[in-house]
Protein backbone atom coordinates (compact mmCIF):
# COMPACT_ATOMS: atom_id res chain seq x y z
CA UNK A 1 62.42 -140.04 -81.76
CA UNK A 2 64.35 -141.94 -84.42
CA UNK A 3 62.76 -142.54 -87.83
CA UNK A 4 65.09 -145.00 -89.55
CA UNK A 5 63.17 -145.53 -92.80
CA UNK A 6 61.30 -142.29 -93.47
CA UNK A 7 57.65 -141.30 -93.20
CA UNK A 8 54.82 -142.42 -95.46
CA UNK A 9 51.41 -140.87 -95.20
CA UNK A 10 48.30 -140.12 -97.22
CA UNK A 11 48.47 -136.50 -96.04
CA UNK A 12 49.50 -134.31 -93.14
CA UNK A 13 46.12 -134.04 -91.41
CA UNK A 14 47.10 -136.63 -88.81
CA UNK A 15 50.68 -135.35 -88.42
CA UNK A 16 50.78 -133.54 -85.11
CA UNK A 17 51.84 -129.92 -85.35
CA UNK A 18 54.04 -130.35 -82.27
CA UNK A 19 56.31 -132.99 -83.85
CA UNK A 20 59.94 -131.93 -83.40
CA UNK A 21 63.40 -133.01 -82.23
CA UNK A 22 63.42 -136.14 -84.34
CA UNK A 23 66.23 -137.80 -86.27
CA UNK A 24 65.36 -139.04 -89.76
CA UNK A 25 67.52 -141.33 -91.86
CA UNK A 26 66.70 -143.29 -95.03
CA UNK A 27 70.17 -143.83 -96.49
CA UNK A 28 71.91 -141.70 -99.09
CA UNK A 29 69.27 -139.41 -100.65
CA UNK A 30 67.84 -140.97 -103.79
CA UNK A 31 64.66 -142.05 -105.52
CA UNK A 32 64.61 -145.28 -103.53
CA UNK A 33 65.68 -143.70 -100.22
CA UNK A 34 62.94 -141.26 -99.24
CA UNK A 35 62.37 -139.33 -96.04
CA UNK A 36 58.73 -138.74 -96.99
CA UNK A 37 56.20 -139.98 -99.52
CA UNK A 38 52.48 -139.34 -99.70
CA UNK A 39 51.76 -141.14 -102.96
CA UNK A 40 52.33 -138.01 -105.03
CA UNK A 41 55.16 -136.09 -103.40
CA UNK A 42 58.60 -137.44 -102.56
CA UNK A 43 61.22 -135.87 -100.28
CA UNK A 44 64.72 -137.30 -100.51
CA UNK A 45 66.29 -134.95 -97.96
CA UNK A 46 65.38 -133.79 -94.48
CA UNK A 47 65.62 -130.21 -95.71
CA UNK A 48 62.90 -130.78 -98.32
CA UNK A 49 60.83 -132.69 -95.78
CA UNK A 50 61.09 -129.91 -93.18
CA UNK A 51 59.99 -127.38 -95.78
CA UNK A 52 56.94 -129.50 -96.57
CA UNK A 53 55.85 -130.08 -92.97
CA UNK A 54 56.78 -126.67 -91.49
CA UNK A 55 56.39 -125.49 -88.77
CA UNK A 56 56.93 -129.08 -87.64
CA UNK A 57 60.42 -130.61 -87.27
CA UNK A 58 62.28 -127.30 -86.90
CA UNK A 59 64.92 -128.91 -84.66
CA UNK A 60 64.97 -132.30 -86.37
CA UNK A 61 68.05 -133.59 -88.18
CA UNK A 62 69.43 -136.54 -90.14
CA UNK A 63 72.10 -139.10 -89.27
CA UNK A 64 72.70 -142.83 -89.42
CA UNK A 65 72.71 -143.53 -85.66
CA UNK A 66 75.91 -145.26 -84.47
CA UNK A 67 74.22 -148.32 -82.95
CA UNK A 68 76.43 -150.88 -81.25
CA UNK A 69 74.16 -153.58 -82.71
CA UNK A 70 71.02 -153.88 -84.79
CA UNK A 71 70.66 -157.60 -84.07
CA UNK A 72 67.60 -158.14 -81.91
CA UNK A 73 69.17 -160.96 -79.88
CA UNK A 74 72.24 -158.88 -78.95
CA UNK A 75 72.57 -157.34 -75.49
CA UNK A 76 73.72 -154.17 -77.29
CA UNK A 77 70.66 -154.01 -79.54
CA UNK A 78 69.88 -150.35 -80.40
CA UNK A 79 72.38 -149.08 -77.83
CA UNK A 80 74.34 -146.05 -79.05
CA UNK A 81 78.13 -146.39 -79.35
CA UNK A 82 79.52 -143.85 -76.82
CA UNK A 83 82.83 -143.56 -78.71
CA UNK A 84 81.29 -142.06 -81.86
CA UNK A 85 80.12 -138.45 -81.96
CA UNK A 86 76.39 -138.30 -82.63
CA UNK A 87 73.46 -135.88 -82.81
CA UNK A 88 71.56 -138.22 -80.51
CA UNK A 89 73.40 -136.84 -77.45
CA UNK A 90 71.31 -134.31 -75.53
CA UNK A 91 69.10 -133.13 -78.41
CA UNK A 92 65.79 -134.58 -77.27
CA UNK A 93 63.08 -132.86 -75.22
CA UNK A 94 61.51 -134.11 -71.98
CA UNK A 95 58.22 -135.95 -72.35
CA UNK A 96 55.86 -135.85 -69.41
CA UNK A 97 55.69 -139.19 -67.65
CA UNK A 98 58.69 -140.67 -69.48
CA UNK A 99 61.57 -140.86 -66.99
CA UNK A 100 63.51 -143.94 -68.16
CA UNK A 101 64.69 -145.34 -71.48
CA UNK A 102 63.71 -148.66 -73.00
CA UNK A 103 65.97 -150.70 -70.72
CA UNK A 104 65.39 -148.74 -67.50
CA UNK A 105 68.17 -146.11 -67.57
CA UNK A 106 67.08 -142.77 -66.10
CA UNK A 107 66.37 -140.04 -68.62
CA UNK A 108 68.07 -136.64 -68.32
CA UNK A 109 65.33 -134.40 -66.97
CA UNK A 110 66.17 -131.37 -69.17
CA UNK A 111 68.15 -132.57 -72.20
CA UNK A 112 67.40 -136.25 -72.79
CA UNK A 113 68.95 -138.12 -75.70
CA UNK A 114 67.06 -138.75 -78.90
CA UNK A 115 65.61 -142.20 -79.35
CA UNK A 116 65.12 -145.11 -77.02
CA UNK A 117 68.59 -145.24 -75.46
CA UNK A 118 69.72 -142.80 -72.77
CA UNK A 119 73.40 -142.54 -71.92
CA UNK A 120 76.54 -140.43 -71.83
CA UNK A 121 77.42 -140.22 -75.49
CA UNK A 122 79.81 -138.07 -77.52
CA UNK A 123 78.02 -134.93 -78.75
CA UNK A 124 78.45 -133.37 -82.16
CA UNK A 125 78.88 -129.66 -82.67
CA UNK A 126 75.69 -128.47 -84.34
CA UNK A 127 75.60 -125.67 -86.89
CA UNK A 128 74.14 -122.34 -85.86
CA UNK A 129 73.41 -119.03 -87.55
CA UNK A 130 74.31 -118.32 -91.16
CA UNK A 131 76.66 -120.88 -92.75
CA UNK A 132 79.94 -119.81 -94.32
CA UNK A 133 79.71 -119.40 -98.09
CA UNK A 134 82.39 -122.03 -98.59
CA UNK A 135 84.13 -122.72 -101.88
CA UNK A 136 84.09 -125.16 -104.78
CA UNK A 137 87.37 -126.78 -105.80
CA UNK A 138 88.41 -128.97 -108.70
CA UNK A 139 89.87 -128.77 -112.17
CA UNK A 140 88.96 -125.49 -113.86
CA UNK A 141 89.55 -126.60 -117.47
CA UNK A 142 88.21 -129.49 -119.52
CA UNK A 143 88.90 -130.11 -123.20
CA UNK A 144 86.57 -130.91 -126.07
CA UNK A 145 85.53 -134.56 -125.95
CA UNK A 146 85.90 -134.78 -122.15
CA UNK A 147 84.08 -137.30 -119.95
CA UNK A 148 83.58 -134.82 -117.12
CA UNK A 149 85.15 -134.40 -113.70
CA UNK A 150 84.24 -134.31 -110.00
CA UNK A 151 84.00 -131.04 -108.08
CA UNK A 152 84.21 -130.74 -104.28
CA UNK A 153 82.68 -128.29 -101.83
CA UNK A 154 83.93 -127.28 -98.39
CA UNK A 155 82.39 -124.66 -96.12
CA UNK A 156 85.27 -124.87 -93.65
CA UNK A 157 83.21 -126.21 -90.74
CA UNK A 158 83.07 -129.58 -89.01
CA UNK A 159 79.69 -128.81 -87.45
CA UNK A 160 76.79 -131.05 -88.33
CA UNK A 161 73.42 -130.11 -89.70
CA UNK A 162 74.54 -128.64 -93.02
CA UNK A 163 72.58 -129.51 -96.13
CA UNK A 164 74.08 -128.76 -99.55
CA UNK A 165 72.41 -128.04 -102.87
CA UNK A 166 74.53 -127.97 -106.04
CA UNK A 167 73.29 -126.02 -109.05
CA UNK A 168 74.66 -125.30 -112.51
CA UNK A 169 74.12 -122.98 -115.45
CA UNK A 170 75.66 -122.44 -118.88
CA UNK A 171 75.26 -118.68 -118.30
CA UNK A 172 77.24 -116.91 -115.58
CA UNK A 173 74.81 -115.73 -112.91
CA UNK A 174 72.11 -118.24 -113.82
CA UNK A 175 69.35 -119.16 -114.00
CA UNK A 176 70.57 -122.34 -112.32
CA UNK A 177 69.35 -125.93 -112.38
CA UNK A 178 69.68 -128.05 -109.25
CA UNK A 179 72.00 -131.04 -109.14
CA UNK A 180 73.01 -133.20 -106.16
CA UNK A 181 73.13 -132.65 -102.40
CA UNK A 182 76.45 -134.28 -101.50
CA UNK A 183 79.75 -132.49 -100.77
CA UNK A 184 81.07 -133.84 -104.11
CA UNK A 185 79.40 -133.49 -107.49
CA UNK A 186 80.10 -135.27 -110.77
CA UNK A 187 79.67 -132.99 -113.77
CA UNK A 188 79.26 -135.60 -116.47
CA UNK A 189 80.56 -134.89 -119.98
CA UNK A 190 80.46 -131.17 -120.84
CA UNK A 191 80.36 -129.54 -124.27
CA UNK A 192 80.55 -125.90 -123.15
CA UNK A 193 81.77 -123.77 -120.27
CA UNK A 194 79.54 -124.34 -117.22
CA UNK A 195 79.07 -122.44 -113.96
CA UNK A 196 78.41 -124.02 -110.54
CA UNK A 197 77.24 -122.85 -107.11
CA UNK A 198 76.46 -124.57 -103.81
CA UNK A 199 73.79 -123.34 -101.43
CA UNK A 200 74.43 -124.36 -97.81
CA UNK A 201 71.57 -124.64 -95.35
CA UNK A 202 72.05 -124.96 -91.59
CA UNK A 203 69.17 -127.24 -90.68
CA UNK A 204 69.17 -126.01 -87.08
CA UNK A 205 68.95 -122.29 -87.83
CA UNK A 206 67.17 -122.48 -91.19
CA UNK A 207 69.61 -119.94 -92.64
CA UNK A 208 71.42 -120.31 -95.96
CA UNK A 209 74.44 -118.98 -97.84
CA UNK A 210 75.59 -119.37 -101.44
CA UNK A 211 79.15 -120.10 -102.56
CA UNK A 212 80.98 -117.97 -105.12
CA UNK A 213 80.34 -119.16 -108.65
CA UNK A 214 82.85 -121.71 -109.94
CA UNK A 215 83.68 -121.60 -113.64
CA UNK A 216 84.53 -124.84 -115.43
CA UNK A 217 85.80 -123.97 -118.90
CA UNK A 218 85.56 -126.32 -121.88
CA UNK A 219 88.26 -125.42 -124.41
CA UNK A 220 89.01 -126.70 -127.93
CA UNK A 221 91.99 -128.96 -128.62
CA UNK A 222 94.61 -127.48 -130.99
CA UNK A 223 95.95 -129.28 -134.04
CA UNK A 224 99.66 -129.98 -134.55
CA UNK A 225 101.90 -131.06 -137.41
CA UNK A 226 105.67 -131.45 -137.56
CA UNK A 227 108.14 -131.35 -140.45
CA UNK A 228 111.87 -130.93 -141.07
CA UNK A 229 114.40 -130.20 -143.82
CA UNK A 230 115.86 -133.72 -143.79
CA UNK A 231 117.45 -135.91 -144.92
CA UNK A 232 120.72 -134.34 -143.78
CA UNK A 233 124.41 -135.05 -143.56
CA UNK A 234 126.45 -134.87 -140.38
CA UNK A 235 127.24 -131.21 -139.73
CA UNK A 236 124.24 -129.84 -141.59
CA UNK A 237 121.71 -127.57 -139.82
CA UNK A 238 118.44 -129.23 -138.81
CA UNK A 239 115.36 -127.01 -139.14
CA UNK A 240 112.21 -128.29 -137.40
CA UNK A 241 108.86 -126.70 -138.24
CA UNK A 242 105.73 -126.86 -136.09
CA UNK A 243 102.32 -125.75 -137.35
CA UNK A 244 98.99 -125.42 -135.51
CA UNK A 245 95.61 -123.74 -135.74
CA UNK A 246 95.16 -122.22 -132.27
CA UNK A 247 98.12 -123.57 -130.29
CA UNK A 248 100.24 -121.15 -128.26
CA UNK A 249 102.75 -123.38 -126.51
CA UNK A 250 105.11 -125.86 -128.15
CA UNK A 251 106.99 -128.83 -126.72
CA UNK A 252 109.50 -130.72 -128.87
CA UNK A 253 111.35 -133.88 -127.87
CA UNK A 254 113.79 -135.96 -129.88
CA UNK A 255 116.86 -138.21 -129.97
CA UNK A 256 119.93 -137.65 -127.80
CA UNK A 257 117.87 -135.83 -125.11
CA UNK A 258 116.64 -133.07 -127.41
CA UNK A 259 113.94 -130.73 -126.03
CA UNK A 260 112.70 -127.31 -127.09
CA UNK A 261 109.84 -124.93 -126.34
CA UNK A 262 110.20 -123.05 -129.63
CA UNK A 263 107.76 -123.43 -132.46
CA UNK A 264 110.54 -123.85 -135.04
CA UNK A 265 113.75 -124.95 -133.29
CA UNK A 266 117.07 -125.68 -135.01
CA UNK A 267 120.21 -127.71 -134.41
CA UNK A 268 123.16 -125.85 -135.95
CA UNK A 269 125.35 -128.87 -136.70
CA UNK A 270 123.56 -132.18 -136.42
CA UNK A 271 125.34 -135.40 -135.42
CA UNK A 272 124.57 -138.98 -136.38
CA UNK A 273 123.25 -139.57 -132.84
CA UNK A 274 120.62 -136.86 -133.40
CA UNK A 275 118.94 -138.66 -136.27
CA UNK A 276 115.56 -140.24 -135.56
CA UNK A 277 112.00 -139.25 -134.67
CA UNK A 278 111.17 -135.78 -133.36
CA UNK A 279 107.83 -135.31 -131.57
CA UNK A 280 105.75 -132.15 -131.11
CA UNK A 281 102.90 -131.43 -128.68
CA UNK A 282 101.01 -128.14 -128.93
CA UNK A 283 98.82 -126.74 -126.14
CA UNK A 284 96.27 -123.94 -125.91
CA UNK A 285 94.40 -122.87 -122.77
CA UNK A 286 95.23 -126.10 -120.97
CA UNK A 287 94.33 -128.46 -123.82
CA UNK A 288 97.00 -130.48 -125.63
CA UNK A 289 97.09 -131.74 -129.21
CA UNK A 290 97.78 -135.28 -130.27
CA UNK A 291 101.52 -135.85 -130.76
CA UNK A 292 102.87 -134.99 -134.23
CA UNK A 293 106.14 -136.53 -135.44
CA UNK A 294 108.74 -136.08 -138.14
CA UNK A 295 111.56 -138.48 -138.98
CA UNK A 296 115.03 -137.07 -139.60
CA UNK A 297 117.63 -139.15 -141.45
CA UNK A 298 121.28 -138.17 -140.87
CA UNK A 299 123.80 -139.62 -143.32
CA UNK A 300 127.53 -139.88 -142.65
CA UNK A 301 129.70 -138.36 -145.45
CA UNK A 302 132.42 -140.46 -147.19
CA UNK A 303 135.97 -140.52 -145.87
CA UNK A 304 138.47 -140.23 -148.74
CA UNK A 305 141.82 -141.71 -147.71
CA UNK A 306 143.69 -141.16 -150.99
CA UNK A 307 143.35 -140.47 -154.71
CA UNK A 308 145.98 -141.79 -157.15
CA UNK A 309 146.61 -141.78 -160.90
CA UNK A 310 148.59 -144.38 -162.82
CA UNK A 311 150.57 -143.05 -164.51
CA UNK A 312 150.51 -139.77 -162.67
CA UNK A 313 151.96 -137.84 -165.61
CA UNK A 314 150.68 -138.14 -169.19
CA UNK A 315 150.87 -136.26 -172.43
CA UNK A 316 147.97 -134.52 -174.05
CA UNK A 317 145.53 -137.10 -175.36
CA UNK A 318 147.00 -139.82 -173.13
CA UNK A 319 145.20 -142.08 -170.60
CA UNK A 320 145.61 -142.57 -166.88
CA UNK A 321 143.89 -144.89 -164.41
CA UNK A 322 142.31 -142.89 -161.57
CA UNK A 323 141.79 -144.63 -158.20
CA UNK A 324 140.08 -143.44 -155.02
CA UNK A 325 140.50 -145.05 -151.60
CA UNK A 326 137.39 -144.07 -149.57
CA UNK A 327 135.07 -145.37 -146.85
CA UNK A 328 131.43 -144.37 -147.24
CA UNK A 329 127.92 -145.37 -146.34
CA UNK A 330 126.79 -143.96 -149.69
CA UNK A 331 127.31 -145.63 -153.05
CA UNK A 332 129.71 -143.25 -154.80
CA UNK A 333 131.93 -140.15 -154.73
CA UNK A 334 132.43 -137.50 -157.42
CA UNK A 335 135.87 -137.09 -158.96
CA UNK A 336 136.68 -133.76 -160.63
CA UNK A 337 139.29 -133.21 -163.34
CA UNK A 338 141.81 -131.51 -161.10
CA UNK A 339 140.96 -132.95 -157.71
CA UNK A 340 138.54 -135.19 -155.87
CA UNK A 341 136.39 -133.98 -153.00
CA UNK A 342 133.44 -135.41 -151.11
CA UNK A 343 130.25 -133.76 -152.28
CA UNK A 344 127.79 -133.67 -149.42
CA UNK A 345 126.78 -137.30 -149.03
CA UNK A 346 126.82 -138.50 -152.62
CA UNK A 347 129.24 -138.93 -155.53
CA UNK A 348 129.33 -140.19 -159.14
CA UNK A 349 131.98 -142.89 -159.12
CA UNK A 350 130.91 -146.25 -157.75
CA UNK A 351 133.34 -147.62 -155.21
CA UNK A 352 134.67 -151.17 -155.37
CA UNK A 353 132.57 -153.44 -153.23
CA UNK A 354 135.52 -154.37 -151.06
CA UNK A 355 135.80 -150.72 -149.93
CA UNK A 356 132.26 -150.57 -148.56
CA UNK A 357 131.99 -150.74 -144.80
CA UNK A 358 130.60 -153.97 -143.46
């Protein structure tokens, strides 16, 4: 028999003890989709319902029957689609005096189909014995401030009749608290490491198995800061410094394709093209910091073309006009008594404005 919307009763006194080989379906299990309700007790799953009414319904199952049509005026009304595998095929029991279905088709004498429609349908493989333990898969690490993730369960079988029960605990080994009954489970936001298991029930054998415990760690996010020894001149050594509280892995990126996995990387002789913003990300146990940055300014030193004195020879106490011909992106150069040299990126003598690069 098919029960498309569940069972509602005041009690079980009028529920025949011989009831079996039925197919129950009330939609996805939920508070508004119940297999059974007696005014006090609710059963959202066939498994819970079978436990309540045992020893009834030992061979009953759940499925949304693949009807060709549910429109009463259709010629295919409540006929099963033969192209879709279904538990309806051959899982009924003979009923004395009932030899045809609702539109006159002859019933199989030993293994009739469930429900009102008899036919040659596609059978489903039904679970038997003890289910495989299966396994839970999904991300194994979340970070502080997470919004949760979705875990998945697979017992490696395509048979039908399995019922799943997720459970979780914040202590390895339990005690556990039940969650959902679907193959996938949303964890919701987590603040600490949490442990999950899935119990699989074969509804046809009544036997169960429990998956290995799955650990979902919640780890803290490391801090990160970045600094450097800039500003620099072309040819100077750049020293980058990364600091963190608990970070163990470092990832630097910067101008001109720069990358490094060191905590404190260097560039031996920096070029003008390597000036700019350097970024650092620090990770620890799968959790990454916010990006820290440091700006490096690289100045180009002055180019001195010539230095002249007019006159070039004088007596003690005399005067001479000193002139420097230089191109610089800095305001001045330093001239010494005996010679003139660029001094890093700065000098003391202001250059004529017409010598500044445009």
